[in-house]
Amino acid sequence: MIELHNVDCMEYLATLEDNSFELAIVDPPYGIGINVNMGRRKGDKPSQYKKFAGEDKAIPEAKFFCELRRASKNQIIWGGNYMTEHLPPSPCWLLWDKKFSEDVTFAQYEMAWTSFKTSAKKYEKHPNQNNRIHPTQKPVKLYEWLLMNYAKEGDRILDTHLGSGSIAIACHNLGFDLVGCELDADYFNAAKKRLEQHQSQLKIPMK
């Protein structure tokens, strides 16, 4: 079951018992001022939604990380390299290689902190910036890779910063239960619509 909520994640986390979820995969603000035009090349379609909640001005406060680690047994936190003041050392950092050419001015890689004790891993996938609905949108295939390597069958997944909803599509494709929270109403509605369109396409019978 996929549950999407237009809610402040801190309010939702406060309702949870300890270890309510087996795995949290989250992509909170990095505090580096990402905007809707970042990474867009000439000829790319502009983002449909111009507003970006919080404007990526700061990383979450310490309480967020405490609550996230209380409510979930394991965590994968994108942008964790910006948040090390709130996270313990980890041997299992994940690197997303975006396969950009060397002449780009924006990040060629993104890093995720994890609570796992296994070795660091790398995933290579161009983000495909066309038709994106969120400035930090990540590929569905990236989330599928995370789920296939770090989640077990029957795990409940939590995403506190739903954004474009890529994780919701990945969870639907692989049969994982997900609760996703998104504070911004525009992005919430866009992510929900994106998931519903994906689900409806899968139901169309083949001729």
Protein backbone atom coordinates (compact mmCIF):
# COMPACT_ATOMS: atom_id res chain seq x y z
CA MET A 1 0.00 0.00 0.00
CA ILE A 2 1.24 3.47 -0.89
CA GLU A 3 0.15 6.22 1.54
CA LEU A 4 0.96 9.82 0.67
CA HIS A 5 0.36 12.64 3.16
CA ASN A 6 0.47 16.41 2.70
CA VAL A 7 1.87 17.01 6.18
CA ASP A 8 4.88 18.32 8.08
CA CYS A 9 7.07 15.25 8.55
CA MET A 10 7.88 16.24 12.14
CA GLU A 11 4.20 16.10 13.01
CA TYR A 12 3.93 12.67 11.43
CA LEU A 13 7.09 11.35 13.08
CA ALA A 14 5.74 12.42 16.46
CA THR A 15 2.81 10.01 16.02
CA LEU A 16 5.01 6.96 15.44
CA GLU A 17 6.16 4.34 17.88
CA ASP A 18 9.81 3.29 17.94
CA ASN A 19 10.90 1.21 14.92
CA SER A 20 7.59 1.66 13.12
CA PHE A 21 9.36 1.29 9.77
CA GLU A 22 12.07 -1.12 8.71
CA LEU A 23 13.71 1.43 6.42
CA ALA A 24 13.55 5.19 5.89
CA ILE A 25 14.83 6.54 2.57
CA VAL A 26 14.80 10.32 2.68
CA ASP A 27 16.01 13.27 0.64
CA PRO A 28 15.81 16.32 2.94
CA PRO A 29 17.04 19.83 2.07
CA TYR A 30 20.82 20.03 1.66
CA GLY A 31 21.00 23.71 2.63
CA ILE A 32 22.82 24.68 -0.58
CA GLY A 33 20.13 26.80 -2.24
CA ILE A 34 19.01 24.41 -4.99
CA ASN A 35 16.42 26.01 -7.28
CA VAL A 36 14.06 24.85 -10.01
CA ASN A 37 16.44 25.80 -12.83
CA MET A 38 19.56 24.11 -11.44
CA GLY A 39 20.91 21.47 -13.79
CA ARG A 40 18.60 22.36 -16.67
CA ARG A 41 20.29 22.42 -20.06
CA LYS A 42 19.34 24.35 -23.19
CA GLY A 43 16.28 22.75 -24.73
CA ASP A 44 15.09 21.08 -21.52
CA LYS A 45 11.49 21.70 -20.57
CA PRO A 46 11.08 24.11 -17.63
CA SER A 47 9.72 22.73 -14.38
CA GLN A 48 5.95 22.91 -14.10
CA TYR A 49 6.16 24.02 -10.47
CA LYS A 50 8.28 27.05 -9.66
CA LYS A 51 7.85 27.15 -5.90
CA PHE A 52 10.31 25.13 -3.81
CA ALA A 53 9.25 24.77 -0.17
CA GLY A 54 11.89 26.16 2.17
CA GLU A 55 14.07 27.20 -0.78
CA ASP A 56 16.72 24.72 0.43
CA LYS A 57 18.11 27.32 2.83
CA ALA A 58 19.09 24.95 5.66
CA ILE A 59 19.38 21.29 6.57
CA PRO A 60 16.84 19.86 9.04
CA GLU A 61 17.40 20.47 12.74
CA ALA A 62 18.95 17.80 14.97
CA LYS A 63 15.53 16.71 16.22
CA PHE A 64 14.58 15.49 12.76
CA PHE A 65 17.47 13.03 12.65
CA CYS A 66 16.75 11.83 16.19
CA GLU A 67 13.10 11.22 15.36
CA LEU A 68 13.91 9.55 12.05
CA ARG A 69 16.35 7.13 13.67
CA ARG A 70 13.87 6.44 16.48
CA ALA A 71 10.97 5.69 14.14
CA SER A 72 12.90 3.50 11.67
CA LYS A 73 15.29 0.61 12.09
CA ASN A 74 17.57 1.67 9.24
CA GLN A 75 18.01 4.85 7.26
CA ILE A 76 19.34 6.07 3.91
CA ILE A 77 19.74 9.86 3.90
CA TRP A 78 20.57 11.64 0.65
CA GLY A 79 22.85 14.62 1.11
CA GLY A 80 24.19 13.12 4.30
CA ASN A 81 27.60 14.63 3.53
CA TYR A 82 26.06 18.02 4.37
CA MET A 83 24.62 16.69 7.63
CA THR A 84 27.50 14.89 9.33
CA GLU A 85 27.11 17.04 12.44
CA HIS A 86 23.89 15.09 13.11
CA LEU A 87 24.95 11.63 11.90
CA PRO A 88 27.38 9.04 13.29
CA PRO A 89 30.22 7.63 11.15
CA SER A 90 29.17 5.02 8.60
CA PRO A 91 31.14 2.55 6.45
CA CYS A 92 28.26 2.32 3.99
CA TRP A 93 28.11 5.57 2.07
CA LEU A 94 26.28 5.39 -1.27
CA LEU A 95 27.40 7.36 -4.32
CA TRP A 96 25.07 8.22 -7.19
CA ASP A 97 27.18 8.92 -10.29
CA LYS A 98 24.98 11.04 -12.58
CA LYS A 99 27.14 10.32 -15.64
CA PHE A 100 27.43 14.00 -16.50
CA SER A 101 30.27 15.32 -18.63
CA GLU A 102 33.12 17.02 -16.79
CA ASP A 103 32.23 20.51 -18.08
CA VAL A 104 29.05 20.87 -16.01
CA THR A 105 29.04 23.32 -13.11
CA PHE A 106 26.60 21.40 -10.92
CA ALA A 107 27.25 18.23 -8.94
CA GLN A 108 28.27 15.15 -10.89
CA TYR A 109 27.63 12.96 -7.85
CA GLU A 110 25.35 12.79 -4.83
CA MET A 111 26.10 10.99 -1.60
CA ALA A 112 23.83 9.21 0.83
CA TRP A 113 24.64 8.33 4.44
CA THR A 114 23.28 4.98 5.60
CA SER A 115 22.95 3.17 8.90
CA PHE A 116 24.11 -0.09 7.32
CA LYS A 117 27.44 -1.66 8.25
CA THR A 118 28.26 -3.04 4.81
CA SER A 119 30.75 -1.53 2.34
CA ALA A 120 30.25 1.64 0.31
CA LYS A 121 28.57 1.25 -3.09
CA LYS A 122 28.12 3.25 -6.29
CA TYR A 123 25.15 3.49 -8.67
CA GLU A 124 25.51 4.97 -12.15
CA LYS A 125 22.47 6.54 -13.80
CA HIS A 126 21.89 9.75 -15.74
CA PRO A 127 19.04 11.66 -14.03
CA ASN A 128 17.19 12.50 -17.29
CA GLN A 129 16.26 16.08 -16.45
CA ASN A 130 13.47 16.46 -19.04
CA ASN A 131 9.90 16.79 -17.75
CA ARG A 132 10.94 16.88 -14.12
CA ILE A 133 8.46 18.24 -11.60
CA HIS A 134 10.88 18.94 -8.75
CA PRO A 135 14.35 20.52 -8.62
CA THR A 136 15.88 17.58 -6.73
CA GLN A 137 14.02 14.83 -8.58
CA LYS A 138 15.84 11.49 -8.58
CA PRO A 139 15.32 8.58 -11.01
CA VAL A 140 12.84 5.84 -10.18
CA LYS A 141 15.56 3.32 -11.11
CA LEU A 142 17.81 4.75 -8.40
CA TYR A 143 15.16 4.08 -5.76
CA GLU A 144 14.54 0.61 -7.16
CA TRP A 145 18.26 -0.09 -6.80
CA LEU A 146 18.14 1.07 -3.18
CA LEU A 147 15.12 -1.09 -2.41
CA MET A 148 16.54 -4.19 -4.11
CA ASN A 149 19.84 -3.87 -2.22
CA TYR A 150 18.81 -2.51 1.20
CA ALA A 151 15.19 -3.55 1.81
CA LYS A 152 13.77 -6.97 2.46
CA GLU A 153 10.45 -8.38 1.33
CA GLY A 154 7.70 -7.17 3.65
CA ASP A 155 9.61 -4.08 4.85
CA ARG A 156 7.64 -0.88 5.40
CA ILE A 157 9.36 2.15 3.86
CA LEU A 158 9.20 5.76 5.07
CA ASP A 159 10.00 8.89 3.06
CA THR A 160 9.74 12.15 5.00
CA HIS A 161 10.43 14.41 1.99
CA LEU A 162 8.48 12.92 -0.90
CA GLY A 163 9.33 15.58 -3.49
CA SER A 164 8.62 14.26 -6.98
CA GLY A 165 7.36 10.90 -5.73
CA SER A 166 9.96 8.76 -7.52
CA ILE A 167 10.23 6.52 -4.45
CA ALA A 168 6.46 5.95 -4.52
CA ILE A 169 6.65 4.65 -8.08
CA ALA A 170 9.61 2.44 -7.19
CA CYS A 171 7.79 1.00 -4.16
CA HIS A 172 4.70 0.35 -6.27
CA ASN A 173 6.78 -1.41 -8.93
CA LEU A 174 8.53 -3.66 -6.40
CA GLY A 175 5.60 -4.26 -4.05
CA PHE A 176 6.78 -2.36 -0.97
CA ASP A 177 4.46 -0.54 1.42
CA LEU A 178 5.35 3.15 1.66
CA VAL A 179 4.33 6.18 3.68
CA GLY A 180 5.47 9.42 2.07
CA CYS A 181 5.20 12.91 3.57
CA GLU A 182 5.40 16.17 1.64
CA LEU A 183 4.88 19.60 3.19
CA ASP A 184 4.42 21.62 -0.02
CA ALA A 185 0.89 21.21 -1.40
CA ASP A 186 1.91 21.82 -5.03
CA TYR A 187 4.61 19.18 -4.98
CA PHE A 188 2.39 16.78 -3.03
CA ASN A 189 -0.37 17.05 -5.64
CA ALA A 190 2.14 16.70 -8.49
CA ALA A 191 3.72 13.60 -6.95
CA LYS A 192 0.31 12.06 -6.26
CA LYS A 193 -0.78 12.72 -9.86
CA ARG A 194 2.47 11.24 -11.16
CA LEU A 195 1.96 8.06 -9.14
CA GLU A 196 -1.69 7.75 -10.20
CA GLN A 197 -0.77 8.15 -13.87
CA HIS A 198 1.90 5.46 -13.52
CA GLN A 199 -0.53 3.10 -11.80
CA SER A 200 -3.22 3.69 -14.43
CA GLN A 201 -0.79 3.01 -17.27
CA LEU A 202 0.12 -0.33 -15.76
CA LYS A 203 -3.57 -1.31 -15.68
CA ILE A 204 -4.12 -0.74 -19.41
CA PRO A 205 -4.57 -4.18 -21.01
CA MET A 206 -2.20 -5.14 -23.80
CA LYS A 207 -3.80 -5.59 -27.23
